[in-house]
Amino acid sequence: SKALLRLLERVLALGNHLNGTSNRGGAYGFKLADLAKLVQVKSADNKTTLLHYLARITAAAGAGADLEALHEELSQAEFVRSVDLAEKRGELAKLAASFEAVKRRRDAGKVDEPFTKNLADFVAANEKNLSKLQSDFGAAETKLRELATWIGERPNVGVADVFGPLASIVKALEKAQKDNLREAAEEERRAKGPAVGGSRKPSVKPGGAGAPPGGPNMMLEMQLKMAQR
């Protein structure tokens, strides 16, 4: 997902900008769990968050399609985050052990017995399926390790540690974008409202419709709040 890569780049750039030359600035990267902090960094008036700012600049940079791409490309992250590979590994081991028991019973029976023939047919029909299931599970574990390493996490992290933050940030970004669009529509509605004397004079507030997204004031406010921490 190139959209995810661009999102992580923006988050890193914003974090380094806010932290400036402090010992937390100039970072080469960050942990996935830190994505949850985007909604914790608020403006001085507590009306918006760094997450809303991120959604706003993404849309304003002509990369609004990234928000749609993230939703599409990571649509299964919410489902995958609940998968427990350790639990599935145990289930697969039990299945393999049971299959071996069936094979032993087949080998111990008389060839001309109907039950033995049924067992033989069952083994012949399902042995390849079990082998493929074991192969697919091993491939899934390998891909999870590769993904964790690429993102900068420990290779032995769980599924939830990788897909949980990704699913949450996609969902949160989608909500933040809706909030931004609703606020922009409200600003536009207020700007078009009738003024005193019957004339209409649009008034644009920083960060509203017709103004640069977020504006320098918002970034300054967030920098001040980060400095206070």
Protein backbone atom coordinates (compact mmCIF):
# COMPACT_ATOMS: atom_id res chain seq x y z
CA SER A 1 0.00 0.00 0.00
CA LYS A 2 1.77 3.11 -1.24
CA ALA A 3 -0.95 5.21 0.37
CA LEU A 4 0.03 3.78 3.77
CA LEU A 5 3.70 4.55 3.10
CA ARG A 6 2.86 8.18 2.26
CA LEU A 7 0.70 8.44 5.38
CA LEU A 8 3.53 7.21 7.60
CA GLU A 9 5.88 9.70 5.93
CA ARG A 10 3.49 12.58 6.70
CA VAL A 11 3.10 11.48 10.32
CA LEU A 12 6.88 11.34 10.75
CA ALA A 13 7.31 14.78 9.16
CA LEU A 14 4.61 16.32 11.38
CA GLY A 15 6.06 14.75 14.51
CA ASN A 16 9.57 16.00 13.74
CA HIS A 17 8.23 19.47 12.93
CA LEU A 18 6.31 19.71 16.20
CA ASN A 19 9.16 18.34 18.29
CA GLY A 20 11.64 20.60 16.50
CA THR A 21 15.19 20.46 17.83
CA SER A 22 14.22 18.76 21.09
CA ASN A 23 15.56 15.33 21.97
CA ARG A 24 12.38 13.88 20.44
CA GLY A 25 12.89 15.67 17.13
CA GLY A 26 14.83 14.43 14.13
CA ALA A 27 13.46 10.91 14.59
CA TYR A 28 14.07 8.31 11.89
CA GLY A 29 10.77 6.61 12.60
CA PHE A 30 8.14 5.75 15.17
CA LYS A 31 6.20 2.77 16.49
CA LEU A 32 2.79 1.88 15.13
CA ALA A 33 1.31 2.32 18.61
CA ASP A 34 2.25 6.02 18.39
CA LEU A 35 -0.43 6.55 15.73
CA ALA A 36 -2.99 6.60 18.54
CA LYS A 37 -1.33 9.77 19.88
CA LEU A 38 -2.40 11.80 16.84
CA VAL A 39 -5.82 12.35 18.37
CA GLN A 40 -4.29 13.26 21.74
CA VAL A 41 -2.43 16.32 20.42
CA LYS A 42 -5.01 19.10 20.35
CA SER A 43 -5.06 22.76 19.40
CA ALA A 44 -5.11 25.44 22.12
CA ASP A 45 -8.91 25.74 21.92
CA ASN A 46 -9.32 21.93 22.01
CA LYS A 47 -11.54 22.12 18.91
CA THR A 48 -9.34 20.08 16.62
CA THR A 49 -6.58 17.49 16.76
CA LEU A 50 -3.41 16.64 14.92
CA LEU A 51 -5.32 13.80 13.29
CA HIS A 52 -7.81 16.28 11.79
CA TYR A 53 -4.88 18.40 10.60
CA LEU A 54 -3.28 15.35 9.00
CA ALA A 55 -6.52 14.52 7.16
CA ARG A 56 -6.84 18.15 6.06
CA ILE A 57 -3.35 18.53 4.61
CA THR A 58 -3.60 15.13 2.94
CA ALA A 59 -6.76 16.23 1.13
CA ALA A 60 -5.38 19.72 0.35
CA ALA A 61 -2.14 18.31 -1.10
CA GLY A 62 -4.12 16.69 -3.88
CA ALA A 63 -3.68 13.36 -2.16
CA GLY A 64 -7.27 12.99 -1.08
CA ALA A 65 -7.30 9.77 -3.06
CA ASP A 66 -4.91 8.39 -0.44
CA LEU A 67 -7.71 8.44 2.11
CA GLU A 68 -9.90 6.40 -0.23
CA ALA A 69 -7.01 4.08 -1.10
CA LEU A 70 -6.26 3.45 2.56
CA HIS A 71 -9.88 2.55 3.21
CA GLU A 72 -9.89 0.17 0.24
CA GLU A 73 -6.43 -1.39 0.61
CA LEU A 74 -6.69 -1.91 4.37
CA SER A 75 -10.38 -2.77 4.45
CA GLN A 76 -9.66 -6.20 5.97
CA ALA A 77 -7.39 -4.90 8.73
CA GLU A 78 -10.31 -4.62 11.16
CA PHE A 79 -11.12 -8.31 10.64
CA VAL A 80 -7.51 -9.52 10.62
CA ARG A 81 -6.61 -7.76 13.89
CA SER A 82 -8.70 -10.31 15.82
CA VAL A 83 -6.88 -13.33 14.40
CA ASP A 84 -4.73 -15.13 16.99
CA LEU A 85 -2.02 -17.07 15.16
CA ALA A 86 -0.98 -18.92 18.32
CA GLU A 87 -4.53 -20.19 18.72
CA LYS A 88 -4.74 -21.14 15.04
CA ARG A 89 -1.39 -22.93 15.29
CA GLY A 90 -2.76 -25.05 18.13
CA GLU A 91 -5.91 -25.86 16.16
CA LEU A 92 -3.83 -26.88 13.15
CA ALA A 93 -1.63 -29.11 15.32
CA LYS A 94 -4.73 -30.87 16.72
CA LEU A 95 -6.10 -31.34 13.21
CA ALA A 96 -2.81 -32.83 12.01
CA ALA A 97 -2.65 -35.16 15.02
CA SER A 98 -6.21 -36.36 14.40
CA PHE A 99 -5.43 -36.97 10.75
CA GLU A 100 -2.40 -39.07 11.69
CA ALA A 101 -4.64 -41.10 14.02
CA VAL A 102 -6.99 -41.79 11.10
CA LYS A 103 -4.06 -42.94 8.98
CA ARG A 104 -2.86 -45.29 11.73
CA ARG A 105 -6.35 -46.77 12.06
CA ARG A 106 -6.48 -47.22 8.29
CA ASP A 107 -3.13 -49.03 8.28
CA ALA A 108 -4.17 -51.27 11.18
CA GLY A 109 -7.44 -52.41 9.59
CA LYS A 110 -8.06 -55.16 7.12
CA VAL A 111 -8.02 -54.04 3.51
CA ASP A 112 -11.32 -55.70 2.65
CA GLU A 113 -13.23 -54.13 5.56
CA PRO A 114 -15.72 -51.42 4.50
CA PHE A 115 -14.63 -49.16 7.40
CA THR A 116 -10.99 -49.43 6.39
CA LYS A 117 -11.91 -48.57 2.81
CA ASN A 118 -13.83 -45.51 4.01
CA LEU A 119 -10.83 -44.37 6.02
CA ALA A 120 -8.56 -44.87 3.01
CA ASP A 121 -10.90 -42.82 0.83
CA PHE A 122 -11.01 -40.07 3.45
CA VAL A 123 -7.20 -39.91 3.70
CA ALA A 124 -6.80 -39.86 -0.07
CA ALA A 125 -9.35 -37.04 -0.45
CA ASN A 126 -8.00 -34.80 2.34
CA GLU A 127 -4.25 -35.39 2.69
CA LYS A 128 -3.40 -32.74 0.09
CA ASN A 129 -5.85 -30.30 1.70
CA LEU A 130 -4.14 -30.65 5.08
CA SER A 131 -0.72 -30.28 3.49
CA LYS A 132 -1.82 -27.08 1.73
CA LEU A 133 -3.34 -25.72 4.93
CA GLN A 134 -0.06 -26.28 6.77
CA SER A 135 1.86 -24.64 3.93
CA ASP A 136 -0.48 -21.63 3.82
CA PHE A 137 -0.24 -21.17 7.59
CA GLY A 138 3.55 -21.21 7.44
CA ALA A 139 3.46 -18.64 4.62
CA ALA A 140 1.13 -16.42 6.68
CA GLU A 141 3.55 -16.48 9.63
CA THR A 142 6.45 -15.62 7.32
CA LYS A 143 4.57 -12.73 5.72
CA LEU A 144 3.62 -11.35 9.14
CA ARG A 145 7.28 -11.38 10.21
CA GLU A 146 8.28 -9.66 6.96
CA LEU A 147 5.57 -7.03 7.37
CA ALA A 148 6.52 -6.36 11.00
CA THR A 149 10.18 -5.98 10.03
CA TRP A 150 9.32 -3.64 7.14
CA ILE A 151 7.25 -1.42 9.44
CA GLY A 152 10.01 -1.42 12.05
CA GLU A 153 8.39 -3.64 14.68
CA ARG A 154 9.83 -6.78 16.27
CA PRO A 155 9.58 -9.81 13.95
CA ASN A 156 7.77 -11.86 16.63
CA VAL A 157 4.91 -9.40 17.28
CA GLY A 158 1.34 -10.60 17.16
CA VAL A 159 -1.21 -9.90 14.46
CA ALA A 160 -3.06 -7.39 16.65
CA ASP A 161 0.18 -5.43 17.26
CA VAL A 162 0.50 -4.81 13.51
CA PHE A 163 -3.04 -4.66 12.19
CA GLY A 164 -4.67 -3.15 15.27
CA PRO A 165 -3.03 0.30 14.94
CA LEU A 166 -3.46 0.24 11.14
CA ALA A 167 -7.18 -0.55 11.39
CA SER A 168 -7.63 2.14 14.05
CA ILE A 169 -5.82 4.89 12.10
CA VAL A 170 -7.79 4.17 8.92
CA LYS A 171 -11.07 4.34 10.84
CA ALA A 172 -10.01 7.47 12.74
CA LEU A 173 -8.82 9.22 9.56
CA GLU A 174 -12.12 8.49 7.86
CA LYS A 175 -14.00 10.03 10.79
CA ALA A 176 -11.64 13.03 10.91
CA GLN A 177 -12.16 13.65 7.19
CA LYS A 178 -15.93 13.61 7.68
CA ASP A 179 -15.54 16.06 10.58
CA ASN A 180 -13.43 18.36 8.39
CA LEU A 181 -15.93 18.29 5.53
CA ARG A 182 -18.80 18.97 7.91
CA GLU A 183 -16.91 21.90 9.47
CA ALA A 184 -16.00 23.29 6.03
CA ALA A 185 -19.65 23.08 4.94
CA GLU A 186 -20.72 24.84 8.14
CA GLU A 187 -18.14 27.60 7.60
CA GLU A 188 -19.35 28.06 4.04
CA ARG A 189 -22.96 28.20 5.19
CA ARG A 190 -22.14 30.85 7.79
CA ALA A 191 -20.12 32.83 5.24
CA LYS A 192 -23.07 32.92 2.83
CA GLY A 193 -25.53 33.94 5.54
CA PRO A 194 -27.22 37.38 5.25
CA ALA A 195 -25.32 40.16 7.02
CA VAL A 196 -26.78 43.31 8.63
CA GLY A 197 -28.38 45.60 6.04
CA GLY A 198 -29.11 42.78 3.62
CA SER A 199 -25.58 42.58 2.18
CA ARG A 200 -23.61 39.41 2.18
CA LYS A 201 -20.04 39.61 3.22
CA PRO A 202 -18.15 36.36 3.46
CA SER A 203 -16.00 35.93 6.50
CA VAL A 204 -13.26 33.33 6.41
CA LYS A 205 -11.78 31.95 9.58
CA PRO A 206 -8.36 30.31 9.79
CA GLY A 207 -8.68 26.69 8.77
CA GLY A 208 -12.18 27.20 7.34
CA ALA A 209 -13.37 27.05 3.76
CA GLY A 210 -11.28 29.24 1.48
CA ALA A 211 -8.31 29.33 3.84
CA PRO A 212 -5.16 27.20 3.84
CA PRO A 213 -5.86 23.94 5.65
CA GLY A 214 -5.05 24.32 9.31
CA GLY A 215 -3.07 27.48 8.78
CA PRO A 216 0.14 28.49 10.55
CA ASN A 217 -1.71 29.43 13.74
CA MET A 218 -2.83 25.88 14.34
CA MET A 219 0.67 24.47 13.91
CA LEU A 220 2.03 27.12 16.28
CA GLU A 221 -0.60 26.26 18.87
CA MET A 222 0.24 22.57 18.65
CA GLN A 223 3.97 23.28 18.92
CA LEU A 224 3.35 25.29 22.09
CA LYS A 225 1.30 22.45 23.59
CA MET A 226 3.98 19.92 22.70
CA ALA A 227 6.60 22.15 24.31
CA GLN A 228 4.55 22.29 27.50
CA ARG A 229 4.70 18.49 27.68
